[in-house]
Protein backbone atom coordinates (compact mmCIF):
# COMPACT_ATOMS: atom_id res chain seq x y z
CA MET A 1 0.57 -12.30 10.19
CA THR A 2 -0.59 -15.59 11.54
CA ALA A 3 -3.20 -14.28 13.97
CA ILE A 4 -6.37 -12.69 12.67
CA ARG A 5 -6.66 -9.11 13.82
CA LYS A 6 -9.58 -6.72 13.98
CA PRO A 7 -9.70 -4.64 10.80
CA TYR A 8 -8.83 -0.95 10.80
CA PRO A 9 -11.03 1.51 8.86
CA SER A 10 -8.08 2.02 6.50
CA ASP A 11 -7.89 -1.69 5.53
CA LEU A 12 -8.69 -2.62 1.96
CA SER A 13 -11.91 -4.46 1.30
CA ASP A 14 -11.78 -7.75 -0.59
CA ASP A 15 -12.96 -5.93 -3.72
CA GLN A 16 -10.31 -3.24 -3.40
CA TRP A 17 -7.61 -5.83 -2.79
CA SER A 18 -8.66 -7.80 -5.88
CA ILE A 19 -8.10 -4.69 -8.00
CA ILE A 20 -4.46 -4.17 -6.98
CA ALA A 21 -3.20 -7.58 -5.82
CA HIS A 22 -1.95 -8.58 -9.28
CA LEU A 23 0.02 -5.31 -9.57
CA LEU A 24 2.34 -6.14 -6.66
CA PRO A 25 5.66 -7.91 -7.27
CA HIS A 26 5.49 -11.68 -6.83
CA LYS A 27 6.80 -13.14 -3.61
CA LYS A 28 10.22 -14.73 -3.65
CA THR A 29 10.24 -18.48 -3.18
CA VAL A 30 13.58 -18.58 -1.36
CA GLY A 31 15.11 -16.53 1.42
CA ARG A 32 13.15 -14.88 4.20
CA PRO A 33 9.69 -16.09 5.15
CA SER A 34 6.94 -14.73 2.95
CA VAL A 35 4.95 -11.69 4.05
CA ASN A 36 1.25 -11.15 3.45
CA LEU A 37 1.35 -8.30 0.92
CA ARG A 38 -2.23 -7.32 1.69
CA GLU A 39 -1.13 -6.69 5.28
CA VAL A 40 1.76 -4.60 3.98
CA VAL A 41 -0.61 -2.43 1.94
CA ASN A 42 -3.07 -2.21 4.85
CA ALA A 43 -0.26 -1.06 7.16
CA VAL A 44 0.90 1.58 4.67
CA LEU A 45 -2.68 2.84 4.36
CA TYR A 46 -2.95 2.91 8.16
CA ILE A 47 0.15 5.12 8.36
CA TYR A 48 -1.25 7.45 5.71
CA GLN A 49 -4.73 7.77 7.17
CA SER A 50 -3.66 8.01 10.80
CA GLY A 51 -0.73 10.36 10.20
CA GLN A 52 1.42 8.19 12.47
CA GLU A 53 5.16 7.85 12.12
CA TRP A 54 6.51 4.49 10.93
CA ARG A 55 7.91 3.64 14.36
CA MET A 56 4.50 4.25 15.93
CA MET A 57 2.84 1.42 13.98
CA PRO A 58 0.51 -0.63 16.22
CA HIS A 59 1.82 -4.00 17.36
CA ASP A 60 -0.99 -5.93 15.72
CA LEU A 61 0.27 -4.84 12.29
CA LEU A 62 3.48 -6.04 10.67
CA PRO A 63 6.74 -4.66 12.08
CA TRP A 64 7.29 -1.12 10.90
CA GLN A 65 10.69 -2.01 9.41
CA THR A 66 9.06 -4.65 7.18
CA VAL A 67 6.30 -2.33 6.01
CA TYR A 68 8.67 0.57 5.40
CA GLY A 69 11.04 -1.71 3.50
CA TYR A 70 8.28 -2.79 1.12
CA TYR A 71 6.92 0.75 0.83
CA ASN A 72 10.34 2.14 -0.07
CA ARG A 73 11.16 -0.71 -2.47
CA TRP A 74 7.84 -0.28 -4.28
CA LEU A 75 8.37 3.46 -4.46
CA LYS A 76 11.78 2.97 -6.09
CA ASP A 77 10.79 0.17 -8.50
CA GLY A 78 7.65 1.91 -9.78
CA THR A 79 5.08 -0.39 -8.15
CA TRP A 80 3.21 2.57 -6.61
CA ASP A 81 3.32 4.31 -10.03
CA ASN A 82 1.74 1.23 -11.63
CA ILE A 83 -0.96 0.99 -8.96
CA ASN A 84 -1.67 4.70 -9.30
CA ALA A 85 -1.97 4.51 -13.09
CA HIS A 86 -4.19 1.43 -12.88
CA LEU A 87 -6.52 3.01 -10.31
CA GLN A 88 -6.66 6.30 -12.20
CA LEU A 89 -7.63 4.43 -15.37
CA GLN A 90 -10.33 2.49 -13.52
CA LEU A 91 -11.77 5.67 -12.03
CA ILE A 92 -11.69 7.50 -15.38
CA GLN A 93 -13.46 4.58 -17.06
CA ARG A 94 -16.15 4.83 -14.38
CA ASN A 95 -16.36 8.62 -14.76
CA ARG A 96 -15.08 9.13 -11.20
CA PRO A 97 -11.59 10.66 -11.44
CA ASN A 98 -9.82 11.38 -8.13
CA GLU A 99 -12.52 9.68 -6.06
CA SER A 100 -10.30 7.16 -4.30
CA PHE A 101 -8.24 8.17 -1.27
CA VAL A 102 -5.73 5.51 -2.33
CA VAL A 103 -5.22 7.28 -5.66
CA ARG A 104 -4.81 10.65 -3.94
CA TRP A 105 -2.40 9.20 -1.40
CA ILE A 106 -0.22 7.48 -3.99
CA SER A 107 -0.19 10.59 -6.19
CA ASN A 108 0.84 12.81 -3.28
CA ARG A 109 3.53 10.39 -2.10
CA LEU A 110 5.01 10.13 -5.59
CA LYS A 111 5.14 13.92 -5.90
CA GLN A 112 6.80 14.22 -2.47
CA SER A 113 9.37 11.53 -3.19
CA ARG A 114 10.34 13.14 -6.49
CA LYS A 115 10.84 16.52 -4.80
CA SER A 116 13.22 14.97 -2.28
CA GLU A 117 15.38 13.27 -4.93
């Protein structure tokens, strides 16, 4: 997004973003314009925390089709699995397993997606 928006409570902090940013696939250098991947993750977290449907995404976030496309692609290519494993390891090393809502959300989504396959 080009305009700065007010943050939602579900948005990642700078510290949280720094933990997972390197786990996301690199942006393509050709083709469609690049998308701010932090905004994609923030929009996915908004959907999870608010319980909204994809098509009900607020207009100040990325288009729902863009966010859903990334979400689905990352689900299929194992990106969410990698993030989940990385966060679980971090929490275990800090003696805080299952503390993060992000970890719980990713774990639940992965279980649901495997049931539907």
